[in-house]
Amino acid sequence: MSDAVGRAVVVGSGSAGRRHLTTLRTLLPDAELVVVRRPDSTTPLDVPAEQRALVVDSLDAALATGPVDLGVVASPAPFHVGHTASLVRAGVPTVLLEKPLATSAAAAAPLDELASGATRIVVGYHLRWSDTAPALRTLVHEGTVGRVRSFGLHSAQHLSDWRPWARTEDTVSGRADLGGGILLEISHELDGLRWLLAAEHGEVATVAATLRFDGAPTDGAVDTVADLDVRLADGTPGTVHLDMVTPQHDRRWWVRGESGELHADLRSGRIERLGPDGSVTVLVERAEPGERDRAELRLVEHTLAVRAGASTPACTVHDGLEVLRVVDAARRSHESGGRPVPIDAPG
């Protein structure tokens, strides 16, 4: 297999698809780029035009135009499995699959087999490639505050700020039929808590959840606020708050350890250590803007390295399935009145 990418197909023309398309053009200036855009999509065609991409209305049409060296699945979550399967059957060697894998763990189950074949699949939880989240993870794993005793992850941003070019009621995030809702759309925090803590504390074991469905312009069927109390396999407790109703964008992660606390503001790039005596030490402070763009660039560079055989997927289908098991448990807990419920076992 040649390392060169002559042709790449991006399935999806929404915010993720547009972002990946722009990055691919930056990294692959001479490649042929093809975008699959749903016939009913309302996203503008400015980015495909700027990036000299061919626009087609189906993946079959994209695959019919020639061999594909790289696939990107950035379509709505209900279509991820089908689109990935089509790329695998077509012999595409590497696929970047956007999160979430699907709308439930059961729906995503076929991806396990697809990922066991020749096609290498990278899952796009982009915070793993950002500046601040990896710095926090390093500090945790180095034992900066000792063994973690509890943790919290918080993400809030009003839905109307996500995709300013479209009516929110028409976007993926606001429509149940397209896999919207806060648990799926902002499942980065669920991947993040596993990525930070599972190696030492085990996977999420139980979830107690309360969901809301109001406060943002959606179809009325998707969850807009999620509050989760979780316990890891070793009993370590934590909380996750996700919402699309708060006007002020806010993203903060913290861990409390034996010898202090770490607080990370993922918006500003600042990480502080709070000592047992109340002292505050700034450990990381990012001055330059553009962390989201750097994370995107690193993610696509990693995917190209996987294709070239220089790396293995750093975020896998297994990781994505574990996130969906937490989502499923949160839904079951909410339906039961907020009782703690166990995570379903794999398989």
C-alpha atoms as a PDB file:
ATOM      1  CA  MET A   1       0.000   0.000   0.000  1.00  0.00           C
ATOM      2  CA  SER A   2       1.362   3.405  -0.956  1.00  0.00           C
ATOM      3  CA  ASP A   3       1.553   5.980   1.830  1.00  0.00           C
ATOM      4  CA  ALA A   4       0.253   8.618  -0.559  1.00  0.00           C
ATOM      5  CA  VAL A   5      -3.422   9.564  -0.328  1.00  0.00           C
ATOM      6  CA  GLY A   6      -4.698  10.283  -3.800  1.00  0.00           C
ATOM      7  CA  ARG A   7      -8.369  10.191  -2.973  1.00  0.00           C
ATOM      8  CA  ALA A   8     -10.308  10.751   0.257  1.00  0.00           C
ATOM      9  CA  VAL A   9     -14.061  10.603   0.832  1.00  0.00           C
ATOM     10  CA  VAL A  10     -15.735  12.595   3.611  1.00  0.00           C
ATOM     11  CA  VAL A  11     -19.236  11.335   4.402  1.00  0.00           C
ATOM     12  CA  GLY A  12     -21.152  14.250   5.891  1.00  0.00           C
ATOM     13  CA  SER A  13     -21.168  17.987   5.198  1.00  0.00           C
ATOM     14  CA  GLY A  14     -22.033  19.273   8.672  1.00  0.00           C
ATOM     15  CA  SER A  15     -19.683  20.938  11.141  1.00  0.00           C
ATOM     16  CA  ALA A  16     -17.436  17.883  11.612  1.00  0.00           C
ATOM     17  CA  GLY A  17     -17.345  17.077   7.904  1.00  0.00           C
ATOM     18  CA  ARG A  18     -16.498  20.682   7.011  1.00  0.00           C
ATOM     19  CA  ARG A  19     -13.726  20.745   9.615  1.00  0.00           C
ATOM     20  CA  HIS A  20     -12.186  17.468   8.406  1.00  0.00           C
ATOM     21  CA  LEU A  21     -12.448  18.545   4.782  1.00  0.00           C
ATOM     22  CA  THR A  22     -10.532  21.755   5.461  1.00  0.00           C
ATOM     23  CA  THR A  23      -7.836  19.903   7.393  1.00  0.00           C
ATOM     24  CA  LEU A  24      -7.458  17.239   4.721  1.00  0.00           C
ATOM     25  CA  ARG A  25      -6.937  19.903   2.095  1.00  0.00           C
ATOM     26  CA  THR A  26      -4.249  21.512   4.279  1.00  0.00           C
ATOM     27  CA  LEU A  27      -2.421  18.207   4.722  1.00  0.00           C
ATOM     28  CA  LEU A  28      -3.161  16.778   1.267  1.00  0.00           C
ATOM     29  CA  PRO A  29      -3.002  19.742  -1.126  1.00  0.00           C
ATOM     30  CA  ASP A  30      -3.003  17.583  -4.252  1.00  0.00           C
ATOM     31  CA  ALA A  31      -5.504  14.894  -3.247  1.00  0.00           C
ATOM     32  CA  GLU A  32      -8.930  14.475  -4.794  1.00  0.00           C
ATOM     33  CA  LEU A  33     -11.514  15.147  -2.075  1.00  0.00           C
ATOM     34  CA  VAL A  34     -15.109  13.962  -2.335  1.00  0.00           C
ATOM     35  CA  VAL A  35     -17.894  15.033   0.022  1.00  0.00           C
ATOM     36  CA  VAL A  36     -21.114  13.078   0.497  1.00  0.00           C
ATOM     37  CA  ARG A  37     -23.902  15.512   1.337  1.00  0.00           C
ATOM     38  CA  ARG A  38     -27.405  14.329   2.283  1.00  0.00           C
ATOM     39  CA  PRO A  39     -30.012  15.518  -0.228  1.00  0.00           C
ATOM     40  CA  ASP A  40     -31.988  17.115   2.632  1.00  0.00           C
ATOM     41  CA  SER A  41     -28.947  18.784   4.222  1.00  0.00           C
ATOM     42  CA  THR A  42     -29.206  22.516   4.876  1.00  0.00           C
ATOM     43  CA  THR A  43     -25.482  23.109   5.385  1.00  0.00           C
ATOM     44  CA  PRO A  44     -23.986  25.554   2.879  1.00  0.00           C
ATOM     45  CA  LEU A  45     -21.592  24.454   0.150  1.00  0.00           C
ATOM     46  CA  ASP A  46     -19.015  27.176   0.752  1.00  0.00           C
ATOM     47  CA  VAL A  47     -16.397  24.945   2.391  1.00  0.00           C
ATOM     48  CA  PRO A  48     -16.508  22.183  -0.261  1.00  0.00           C
ATOM     49  CA  ALA A  49     -16.127  24.875  -2.909  1.00  0.00           C
ATOM     50  CA  GLU A  50     -13.219  26.510  -1.098  1.00  0.00           C
ATOM     51  CA  GLN A  51     -11.476  23.152  -0.707  1.00  0.00           C
ATOM     52  CA  ARG A  52     -12.022  22.133  -4.350  1.00  0.00           C
ATOM     53  CA  ALA A  53     -14.054  19.081  -3.353  1.00  0.00           C
ATOM     54  CA  LEU A  54     -16.464  17.128  -5.500  1.00  0.00           C
ATOM     55  CA  VAL A  55     -19.921  16.990  -3.892  1.00  0.00           C
ATOM     56  CA  VAL A  56     -22.126  13.913  -4.382  1.00  0.00           C
ATOM     57  CA  ASP A  57     -25.403  12.889  -2.748  1.00  0.00           C
ATOM     58  CA  SER A  58     -24.598   9.285  -1.760  1.00  0.00           C
ATOM     59  CA  LEU A  59     -21.678   7.180  -0.624  1.00  0.00           C
ATOM     60  CA  ASP A  60     -22.356   4.747  -3.481  1.00  0.00           C
ATOM     61  CA  ALA A  61     -21.809   7.611  -5.910  1.00  0.00           C
ATOM     62  CA  ALA A  62     -18.549   8.517  -4.180  1.00  0.00           C
ATOM     63  CA  LEU A  63     -17.267   4.942  -4.277  1.00  0.00           C
ATOM     64  CA  ALA A  64     -18.252   4.552  -7.928  1.00  0.00           C
ATOM     65  CA  THR A  65     -15.837   7.246  -9.028  1.00  0.00           C
ATOM     66  CA  GLY A  66     -12.690   5.276  -8.162  1.00  0.00           C
ATOM     67  CA  PRO A  67     -10.581   3.692  -5.404  1.00  0.00           C
ATOM     68  CA  VAL A  68     -10.577   5.462  -2.029  1.00  0.00           C
ATOM     69  CA  ASP A  69      -7.401   5.743   0.046  1.00  0.00           C
ATOM     70  CA  LEU A  70      -8.976   7.291   3.147  1.00  0.00           C
ATOM     71  CA  GLY A  71     -12.536   7.507   4.436  1.00  0.00           C
ATOM     72  CA  VAL A  72     -14.024   9.922   6.966  1.00  0.00           C
ATOM     73  CA  VAL A  73     -17.445   9.157   8.440  1.00  0.00           C
ATOM     74  CA  ALA A  74     -18.944  12.392   9.769  1.00  0.00           C
ATOM     75  CA  SER A  75     -22.576  11.711   8.989  1.00  0.00           C
ATOM     76  CA  PRO A  76     -25.325  11.673  11.658  1.00  0.00           C
ATOM     77  CA  ALA A  77     -24.803   8.922  14.252  1.00  0.00           C
ATOM     78  CA  PRO A  78     -27.644   6.617  13.048  1.00  0.00           C
ATOM     79  CA  PHE A  79     -25.802   6.222   9.730  1.00  0.00           C
ATOM     80  CA  HIS A  80     -22.283   5.619  11.053  1.00  0.00           C
ATOM     81  CA  VAL A  81     -22.375   1.833  11.038  1.00  0.00           C
ATOM     82  CA  GLY A  82     -23.792   1.582   7.519  1.00  0.00           C
ATOM     83  CA  HIS A  83     -21.373   4.118   6.077  1.00  0.00           C
ATOM     84  CA  THR A  84     -18.392   2.497   7.799  1.00  0.00           C
ATOM     85  CA  ALA A  85     -19.473  -0.934   6.546  1.00  0.00           C
ATOM     86  CA  SER A  86     -19.662   0.373   2.975  1.00  0.00           C
ATOM     87  CA  LEU A  87     -16.143   1.802   3.212  1.00  0.00           C
ATOM     88  CA  VAL A  88     -14.803  -1.446   4.671  1.00  0.00           C
ATOM     89  CA  ARG A  89     -16.469  -3.517   1.925  1.00  0.00           C
ATOM     90  CA  ALA A  90     -14.925  -1.193  -0.648  1.00  0.00           C
ATOM     91  CA  GLY A  91     -11.481  -1.976   0.739  1.00  0.00           C
ATOM     92  CA  VAL A  92     -10.732   1.476   2.150  1.00  0.00           C
ATOM     93  CA  PRO A  93      -7.617   0.903   4.287  1.00  0.00           C
ATOM     94  CA  THR A  94      -8.239   3.532   6.982  1.00  0.00           C
ATOM     95  CA  VAL A  95     -11.372   5.248   8.303  1.00  0.00           C
ATOM     96  CA  LEU A  96     -11.709   8.199  10.664  1.00  0.00           C
ATOM     97  CA  LEU A  97     -15.052   7.604  12.377  1.00  0.00           C
ATOM     98  CA  GLU A  98     -16.613  10.545  14.172  1.00  0.00           C
ATOM     99  CA  LYS A  99     -18.107  10.146  17.614  1.00  0.00           C
ATOM    100  CA  PRO A 100     -20.479   8.817  18.781  1.00  0.00           C
ATOM    101  CA  LEU A 101     -20.211   5.434  17.068  1.00  0.00           C
ATOM    102  CA  ALA A 102     -24.006   5.119  16.901  1.00  0.00           C
ATOM    103  CA  THR A 103     -27.059   5.921  19.013  1.00  0.00           C
ATOM    104  CA  SER A 104     -26.611   2.933  21.370  1.00  0.00           C
ATOM    105  CA  ALA A 105     -24.132   0.174  22.105  1.00  0.00           C
ATOM    106  CA  ALA A 106     -26.412  -2.381  20.467  1.00  0.00           C
ATOM    107  CA  ALA A 107     -26.621  -0.324  17.293  1.00  0.00           C
ATOM    108  CA  ALA A 108     -22.827   0.061  17.249  1.00  0.00           C
ATOM    109  CA  ALA A 109     -22.083  -3.637  17.865  1.00  0.00           C
ATOM    110  CA  PRO A 110     -21.362  -4.480  14.175  1.00  0.00           C
ATOM    111  CA  LEU A 111     -18.406  -2.084  14.285  1.00  0.00           C
ATOM    112  CA  ASP A 112     -16.549  -4.539  16.524  1.00  0.00           C
ATOM    113  CA  GLU A 113     -16.277  -7.018  13.668  1.00  0.00           C
ATOM    114  CA  LEU A 114     -15.584  -4.315  11.101  1.00  0.00           C
ATOM    115  CA  ALA A 115     -12.663  -3.083  13.228  1.00  0.00           C
ATOM    116  CA  SER A 116     -11.168  -6.582  13.440  1.00  0.00           C
ATOM    117  CA  GLY A 117     -10.465  -6.766   9.705  1.00  0.00           C
ATOM    118  CA  ALA A 118      -7.971  -5.084   7.413  1.00  0.00           C
ATOM    119  CA  THR A 119      -9.479  -1.600   7.700  1.00  0.00           C
ATOM    120  CA  ARG A 120      -8.043   0.435  10.566  1.00  0.00           C
ATOM    121  CA  ILE A 121     -10.592   2.650  12.315  1.00  0.00           C
ATOM    122  CA  VAL A 122      -9.705   5.753  14.332  1.00  0.00           C
ATOM    123  CA  VAL A 123     -12.526   7.177  16.484  1.00  0.00           C
ATOM    124  CA  GLY A 124     -12.642  10.972  16.566  1.00  0.00           C
ATOM    125  CA  TYR A 125     -12.848  11.982  20.223  1.00  0.00           C
ATOM    126  CA  HIS A 126     -10.722  15.016  19.443  1.00  0.00           C
ATOM    127  CA  LEU A 127     -10.036  16.141  23.042  1.00  0.00           C
ATOM    128  CA  ARG A 128      -7.453  13.347  23.217  1.00  0.00           C
ATOM    129  CA  TRP A 129      -5.455  15.373  20.672  1.00  0.00           C
ATOM    130  CA  SER A 130      -5.960  18.788  22.304  1.00  0.00           C
ATOM    131  CA  ASP A 131      -3.471  20.684  24.494  1.00  0.00           C
ATOM    132  CA  THR A 132      -5.154  20.812  27.906  1.00  0.00           C
ATOM    133  CA  ALA A 133      -6.818  17.406  28.344  1.00  0.00           C
ATOM    134  CA  PRO A 134      -3.603  15.441  27.611  1.00  0.00           C
ATOM    135  CA  ALA A 135      -1.667  17.727  29.972  1.00  0.00           C
ATOM    136  CA  LEU A 136      -4.176  16.978  32.738  1.00  0.00           C
ATOM    137  CA  ARG A 137      -3.966  13.253  31.994  1.00  0.00           C
ATOM    138  CA  THR A 138      -0.181  13.351  32.261  1.00  0.00           C
ATOM    139  CA  LEU A 139      -0.374  15.124  35.622  1.00  0.00           C
ATOM    140  CA  VAL A 140      -2.881  12.557  36.911  1.00  0.00           C
ATOM    141  CA  HIS A 141      -0.817   9.602  35.714  1.00  0.00           C
ATOM    142  CA  GLU A 142       2.363  11.101  37.199  1.00  0.00           C
ATOM    143  CA  GLY A 143       0.658  11.130  40.596  1.00  0.00           C
ATOM    144  CA  THR A 144       0.771  14.921  41.005  1.00  0.00           C
ATOM    145  CA  VAL A 145      -2.017  14.752  43.626  1.00  0.00           C
ATOM    146  CA  GLY A 146      -1.622  11.102  44.561  1.00  0.00           C
ATOM    147  CA  ARG A 147      -4.247   8.473  43.948  1.00  0.00           C
ATOM    148  CA  VAL A 148      -7.518   9.962  42.678  1.00  0.00           C
ATOM    149  CA  ARG A 149     -10.370   9.860  45.212  1.00  0.00           C
ATOM    150  CA  SER A 150     -13.092  11.634  43.192  1.00  0.00           C
ATOM    151  CA  PHE A 151     -13.530  13.553  39.952  1.00  0.00           C
ATOM    152  CA  GLY A 152     -15.852  15.761  37.940  1.00  0.00           C
ATOM    153  CA  LEU A 153     -16.278  16.778  34.302  1.00  0.00           C
ATOM    154  CA  HIS A 154     -18.476  19.702  33.258  1.00  0.00           C
ATOM    155  CA  SER A 155     -19.390  20.927  29.779  1.00  0.00           C
ATOM    156  CA  ALA A 156     -22.001  23.578  28.955  1.00  0.00           C
ATOM    157  CA  GLN A 157     -22.781  25.611  25.835  1.00  0.00           C
ATOM    158  CA  HIS A 158     -26.093  26.797  24.413  1.00  0.00           C
ATOM    159  CA  LEU A 159     -27.206  24.875  21.362  1.00  0.00           C
ATOM    160  CA  SER A 160     -27.834  28.053  19.375  1.00  0.00           C
ATOM    161  CA  ASP A 161     -24.065  28.731  19.406  1.00  0.00           C
ATOM    162  CA  TRP A 162     -23.079  25.375  17.908  1.00  0.00           C
ATOM    163  CA  ARG A 163     -24.005  25.813  14.249  1.00  0.00           C
ATOM    164  CA  PRO A 164     -24.898  29.451  13.560  1.00  0.00           C
ATOM    165  CA  TRP A 165     -25.580  28.816   9.877  1.00  0.00           C
ATOM    166  CA  ALA A 166     -28.656  26.621  10.527  1.00  0.00           C
ATOM    167  CA  ARG A 167     -31.922  26.547  12.482  1.00  0.00           C
ATOM    168  CA  THR A 168     -31.100  24.541  15.589  1.00  0.00           C
ATOM    169  CA  GLU A 169     -34.308  22.512  15.260  1.00  0.00           C
ATOM    170  CA  ASP A 170     -33.009  21.237  11.900  1.00  0.00           C
ATOM    171  CA  THR A 171     -29.515  20.296  13.022  1.00  0.00           C
ATOM    172  CA  VAL A 172     -28.255  16.869  14.031  1.00  0.00           C
ATOM    173  CA  SER A 173     -27.894  17.985  17.656  1.00  0.00           C
ATOM    174  CA  GLY A 174     -31.552  18.968  17.987  1.00  0.00           C
ATOM    175  CA  ARG A 175     -33.178  15.997  16.248  1.00  0.00           C
ATOM    176  CA  ALA A 176     -33.740  12.576  17.769  1.00  0.00           C
ATOM    177  CA  ASP A 177     -34.017  10.947  14.344  1.00  0.00           C
ATOM    178  CA  LEU A 178     -30.452  12.086  13.555  1.00  0.00           C
ATOM    179  CA  GLY A 179     -28.955  10.960  16.871  1.00  0.00           C
ATOM    180  CA  GLY A 180     -29.050  14.312  18.656  1.00  0.00           C
ATOM    181  CA  GLY A 181     -29.134  15.125  22.340  1.00  0.00           C
ATOM    182  CA  ILE A 182     -26.479  16.102  24.825  1.00  0.00           C
ATOM    183  CA  LEU A 183     -25.455  12.576  25.908  1.00  0.00           C
ATOM    184  CA  LEU A 184     -24.470  11.612  22.379  1.00  0.00           C
ATOM    185  CA  GLU A 185     -23.331  14.942  20.979  1.00  0.00           C
ATOM    186  CA  ILE A 186     -21.101  15.871  23.932  1.00  0.00           C
ATOM    187  CA  SER A 187     -19.987  12.384  24.884  1.00  0.00           C
ATOM    188  CA  HIS A 188     -16.386  13.683  24.907  1.00  0.00           C
ATOM    189  CA  GLU A 189     -16.579  13.907  28.714  1.00  0.00           C
ATOM    190  CA  LEU A 190     -17.620  10.252  28.952  1.00  0.00           C
ATOM    191  CA  ASP A 191     -14.647   9.253  26.818  1.00  0.00           C
ATOM    192  CA  GLY A 192     -12.500  11.673  28.815  1.00  0.00           C
ATOM    193  CA  LEU A 193     -13.220  10.165  32.227  1.00  0.00           C
ATOM    194  CA  ARG A 194     -12.321   6.705  30.918  1.00  0.00           C
ATOM    195  CA  TRP A 195      -9.169   8.012  29.227  1.00  0.00           C
ATOM    196  CA  LEU A 196      -8.095   9.797  32.417  1.00  0.00           C
ATOM    197  CA  LEU A 197      -8.908   7.137  34.977  1.00  0.00           C
ATOM    198  CA  ALA A 198      -9.799   3.671  33.676  1.00  0.00           C
ATOM    199  CA  ALA A 199      -6.222   2.374  33.555  1.00  0.00           C
ATOM    200  CA  GLU A 200      -5.871   2.714  37.341  1.00  0.00           C
ATOM    201  CA  HIS A 201      -9.469   2.651  38.560  1.00  0.00           C
ATOM    202  CA  GLY A 202     -11.273   0.465  36.028  1.00  0.00           C
ATOM    203  CA  GLU A 203     -14.219   1.139  33.758  1.00  0.00           C
ATOM    204  CA  VAL A 204     -17.424   2.882  34.785  1.00  0.00           C
ATOM    205  CA  ALA A 205     -19.393   0.362  36.839  1.00  0.00           C
ATOM    206  CA  THR A 206     -22.639   2.182  37.697  1.00  0.00           C
ATOM    207  CA  VAL A 207     -24.470   5.336  36.609  1.00  0.00           C
ATOM    208  CA  ALA A 208     -27.248   7.318  38.292  1.00  0.00           C
ATOM    209  CA  ALA A 209     -28.642   9.934  35.915  1.00  0.00           C
ATOM    210  CA  THR A 210     -31.159  12.736  35.656  1.00  0.00           C
ATOM    211  CA  LEU A 211     -31.980  14.070  32.195  1.00  0.00           C
ATOM    212  CA  ARG A 212     -33.878  17.146  31.018  1.00  0.00           C
ATOM    213  CA  PHE A 213     -35.450  17.780  27.628  1.00  0.00           C
ATOM    214  CA  ASP A 214     -36.153  21.512  27.736  1.00  0.00           C
ATOM    215  CA  GLY A 215     -34.335  24.840  27.600  1.00  0.00           C
ATOM    216  CA  ALA A 216     -33.030  24.681  24.022  1.00  0.00           C
ATOM    217  CA  PRO A 217     -34.712  24.864  20.603  1.00  0.00           C
ATOM    218  CA  THR A 218     -34.868  21.192  19.625  1.00  0.00           C
ATOM    219  CA  ASP A 219     -37.486  18.710  18.427  1.00  0.00           C
ATOM    220  CA  GLY A 220     -38.495  18.248  22.090  1.00  0.00           C
ATOM    221  CA  ALA A 221     -37.435  14.611  22.091  1.00  0.00           C
ATOM    222  CA  VAL A 222     -33.706  14.927  22.707  1.00  0.00           C
ATOM    223  CA  ASP A 223     -32.008  15.322  26.081  1.00  0.00           C
ATOM    224  CA  THR A 224     -30.675  18.836  26.673  1.00  0.00           C
ATOM    225  CA  VAL A 225     -29.178  18.433  30.164  1.00  0.00           C
ATOM    226  CA  ALA A 226     -27.579  15.356  31.720  1.00  0.00           C
ATOM    227  CA  ASP A 227     -26.377  15.037  35.313  1.00  0.00           C
ATOM    228  CA  LEU A 228     -24.589  11.778  36.045  1.00  0.00           C
ATOM    229  CA  ASP A 229     -23.234  10.303  39.264  1.00  0.00           C
ATOM    230  CA  VAL A 230     -20.840   7.527  38.312  1.00  0.00           C
ATOM    231  CA  ARG A 231     -18.712   4.985  40.114  1.00  0.00           C
ATOM    232  CA  LEU A 232     -15.703   3.296  38.627  1.00  0.00           C
ATOM    233  CA  ALA A 233     -14.930  -0.386  39.090  1.00  0.00           C
ATOM    234  CA  ASP A 234     -12.852   0.260  42.230  1.00  0.00           C
ATOM    235  CA  GLY A 235     -15.572   2.432  43.764  1.00  0.00           C
ATOM    236  CA  THR A 236     -14.099   5.837  42.917  1.00  0.00           C
ATOM    237  CA  PRO A 237     -17.027   8.297  42.624  1.00  0.00           C
ATOM    238  CA  GLY A 238     -17.433  11.136  40.152  1.00  0.00           C
ATOM    239  CA  THR A 239     -19.898  13.438  38.458  1.00  0.00           C
ATOM    240  CA  VAL A 240     -20.508  14.488  34.864  1.00  0.00           C
ATOM    241  CA  HIS A 241     -22.623  17.498  33.890  1.00  0.00           C
ATOM    242  CA  LEU A 242     -23.485  18.113  30.233  1.00  0.00           C
ATOM    243  CA  ASP A 243     -25.875  20.723  28.904  1.00  0.00           C
ATOM    244  CA  MET A 244     -26.878  22.637  25.788  1.00  0.00           C
ATOM    245  CA  VAL A 245     -28.928  25.287  27.625  1.00  0.00           C
ATOM    246  CA  THR A 246     -26.310  27.467  29.382  1.00  0.00           C
ATOM    247  CA  PRO A 247     -25.541  30.742  27.579  1.00  0.00           C
ATOM    248  CA  GLN A 248     -21.938  30.931  28.820  1.00  0.00           C
ATOM    249  CA  HIS A 249     -19.652  28.318  27.241  1.00  0.00           C
ATOM    250  CA  ASP A 250     -17.838  26.459  30.023  1.00  0.00           C
ATOM    251  CA  ARG A 251     -15.719  23.297  30.044  1.00  0.00           C
ATOM    252  CA  ARG A 252     -13.930  22.238  33.227  1.00  0.00           C
ATOM    253  CA  TRP A 253     -12.492  18.937  34.480  1.00  0.00           C
ATOM    254  CA  TRP A 254     -11.180  18.276  37.986  1.00  0.00           C
ATOM    255  CA  VAL A 255      -9.771  15.424  40.058  1.00  0.00           C
ATOM    256  CA  ARG A 256      -9.356  15.261  43.824  1.00  0.00           C
ATOM    257  CA  GLY A 257      -6.465  13.147  45.026  1.00  0.00           C
ATOM    258  CA  GLU A 258      -4.803  12.130  48.268  1.00  0.00           C
ATOM    259  CA  SER A 259      -2.588  15.218  48.318  1.00  0.00           C
ATOM    260  CA  GLY A 260      -4.573  17.932  46.568  1.00  0.00           C
ATOM    261  CA  GLU A 261      -6.753  18.711  43.570  1.00  0.00           C
ATOM    262  CA  LEU A 262      -6.190  19.415  39.882  1.00  0.00           C
ATOM    263  CA  HIS A 263      -8.561  21.812  38.128  1.00  0.00           C
ATOM    264  CA  ALA A 264      -8.415  22.168  34.339  1.00  0.00           C
ATOM    265  CA  ASP A 265     -10.244  24.878  32.420  1.00  0.00           C
ATOM    266  CA  LEU A 266     -10.384  23.426  28.908  1.00  0.00           C
ATOM    267  CA  ARG A 267     -11.530  26.730  27.452  1.00  0.00           C
ATOM    268  CA  SER A 268      -8.620  28.829  28.721  1.00  0.00           C
ATOM    269  CA  GLY A 269      -6.026  26.062  28.839  1.00  0.00           C
ATOM    270  CA  ARG A 270      -5.214  26.671  32.516  1.00  0.00           C
ATOM    271  CA  ILE A 271      -4.519  23.837  34.973  1.00  0.00           C
ATOM    272  CA  GLU A 272      -4.156  24.593  38.682  1.00  0.00           C
ATOM    273  CA  ARG A 273      -3.108  22.460  41.612  1.00  0.00           C
ATOM    274  CA  LEU A 274      -4.926  23.151  44.873  1.00  0.00           C
ATOM    275  CA  GLY A 275      -2.860  22.024  47.845  1.00  0.00           C
ATOM    276  CA  PRO A 276      -4.247  20.649  51.123  1.00  0.00           C
ATOM    277  CA  ASP A 277      -3.312  23.987  52.738  1.00  0.00           C
ATOM    278  CA  GLY A 278      -5.419  25.961  50.272  1.00  0.00           C
ATOM    279  CA  SER A 279      -2.478  27.039  48.129  1.00  0.00           C
ATOM    280  CA  VAL A 280      -3.006  27.439  44.379  1.00  0.00           C
ATOM    281  CA  THR A 281      -0.236  26.688  41.896  1.00  0.00           C
ATOM    282  CA  VAL A 282      -0.642  27.218  38.148  1.00  0.00           C
ATOM    283  CA  LEU A 283       0.897  24.177  36.444  1.00  0.00           C
ATOM    284  CA  VAL A 284      -0.181  24.849  32.859  1.00  0.00           C
ATOM    285  CA  GLU A 285      -1.231  28.125  31.268  1.00  0.00           C
ATOM    286  CA  ARG A 286      -1.814  28.335  27.543  1.00  0.00           C
ATOM    287  CA  ALA A 287      -1.580  31.795  26.012  1.00  0.00           C
ATOM    288  CA  GLU A 288      -2.090  31.060  22.314  1.00  0.00           C
ATOM    289  CA  PRO A 289      -5.610  30.582  20.895  1.00  0.00           C
ATOM    290  CA  GLY A 290      -6.682  27.872  18.465  1.00  0.00           C
ATOM    291  CA  GLU A 291      -6.566  24.717  20.610  1.00  0.00           C
ATOM    292  CA  ARG A 292      -9.592  23.260  18.806  1.00  0.00           C
ATOM    293  CA  ASP A 293      -7.866  23.661  15.447  1.00  0.00           C
ATOM    294  CA  ARG A 294      -4.660  22.104  16.761  1.00  0.00           C
ATOM    295  CA  ALA A 295      -6.604  19.123  18.103  1.00  0.00           C
ATOM    296  CA  GLU A 296      -8.253  18.672  14.711  1.00  0.00           C
ATOM    297  CA  LEU A 297      -4.926  18.847  12.896  1.00  0.00           C
ATOM    298  CA  ARG A 298      -3.331  16.293  15.237  1.00  0.00           C
ATOM    299  CA  LEU A 299      -6.292  13.936  14.916  1.00  0.00           C
ATOM    300  CA  VAL A 300      -6.118  13.921  11.124  1.00  0.00           C
ATOM    301  CA  GLU A 301      -2.316  13.675  11.185  1.00  0.00           C
ATOM    302  CA  HIS A 302      -2.674  10.669  13.502  1.00  0.00           C
ATOM    303  CA  THR A 303      -5.175   9.083  11.109  1.00  0.00           C
ATOM    304  CA  LEU A 304      -2.748   9.539   8.217  1.00  0.00           C
ATOM    305  CA  ALA A 305       0.033   8.011  10.347  1.00  0.00           C
ATOM    306  CA  VAL A 306      -2.215   5.019  11.041  1.00  0.00           C
ATOM    307  CA  ARG A 307      -2.813   4.654   7.310  1.00  0.00           C
ATOM    308  CA  ALA A 308       0.949   4.760   6.669  1.00  0.00           C
ATOM    309  CA  GLY A 309       1.538   2.031   9.255  1.00  0.00           C
ATOM    310  CA  ALA A 310       3.490   4.382  11.518  1.00  0.00           C
ATOM    311  CA  SER A 311       0.939   4.241  14.352  1.00  0.00           C
ATOM    312  CA  THR A 312      -2.007   2.283  15.690  1.00  0.00           C
ATOM    313  CA  PRO A 313      -5.394   3.885  16.461  1.00  0.00           C
ATOM    314  CA  ALA A 314      -5.124   5.862  19.707  1.00  0.00           C
ATOM    315  CA  CYS A 315      -8.907   5.920  20.107  1.00  0.00           C
ATOM    316  CA  THR A 316     -10.574   2.693  19.044  1.00  0.00           C
ATOM    317  CA  VAL A 317     -13.975   1.214  18.364  1.00  0.00           C
ATOM    318  CA  HIS A 318     -13.703  -0.460  21.772  1.00  0.00           C
ATOM    319  CA  ASP A 319     -13.339   2.977  23.365  1.00  0.00           C
ATOM    320  CA  GLY A 320     -16.396   4.238  21.506  1.00  0.00           C
ATOM    321  CA  LEU A 321     -18.453   1.224  22.551  1.00  0.00           C
ATOM    322  CA  GLU A 322     -17.556   1.755  26.210  1.00  0.00           C
ATOM    323  CA  VAL A 323     -18.832   5.334  25.951  1.00  0.00           C
ATOM    324  CA  LEU A 324     -22.136   4.135  24.503  1.00  0.00           C
ATOM    325  CA  ARG A 325     -22.560   1.639  27.340  1.00  0.00           C
ATOM    326  CA  VAL A 326     -22.372   4.565  29.754  1.00  0.00           C
ATOM    327  CA  VAL A 327     -24.930   6.479  27.646  1.00  0.00           C
ATOM    328  CA  ASP A 328     -27.262   3.474  27.647  1.00  0.00           C
ATOM    329  CA  ALA A 329     -26.953   3.120  31.419  1.00  0.00           C
ATOM    330  CA  ALA A 330     -27.678   6.826  31.913  1.00  0.00           C
ATOM    331  CA  ARG A 331     -30.871   6.490  29.899  1.00  0.00           C
ATOM    332  CA  ARG A 332     -31.950   3.419  31.854  1.00  0.00           C
ATOM    333  CA  SER A 333     -31.232   5.183  35.130  1.00  0.00           C
ATOM    334  CA  HIS A 334     -33.285   8.232  34.144  1.00  0.00           C
ATOM    335  CA  GLU A 335     -36.201   6.009  33.129  1.00  0.00           C
ATOM    336  CA  SER A 336     -36.024   4.292  36.530  1.00  0.00           C
ATOM    337  CA  GLY A 337     -36.217   7.576  38.432  1.00  0.00           C
ATOM    338  CA  GLY A 338     -32.486   8.139  38.778  1.00  0.00           C
ATOM    339  CA  ARG A 339     -31.539   4.843  40.431  1.00  0.00           C
ATOM    340  CA  PRO A 340     -27.917   3.719  40.017  1.00  0.00           C
ATOM    341  CA  VAL A 341     -27.794   1.061  37.315  1.00  0.00           C
ATOM    342  CA  PRO A 342     -24.890  -1.157  36.267  1.00  0.00           C
ATOM    343  CA  ILE A 343     -23.147  -0.852  32.939  1.00  0.00           C
ATOM    344  CA  ASP A 344     -24.048  -3.675  30.579  1.00  0.00           C
ATOM    345  CA  ALA A 345     -21.184  -6.106  30.062  1.00  0.00           C
ATOM    346  CA  PRO A 346     -19.569  -6.141  26.606  1.00  0.00           C
ATOM    347  CA  GLY A 347     -21.026  -8.605  24.132  1.00  0.00           C
END
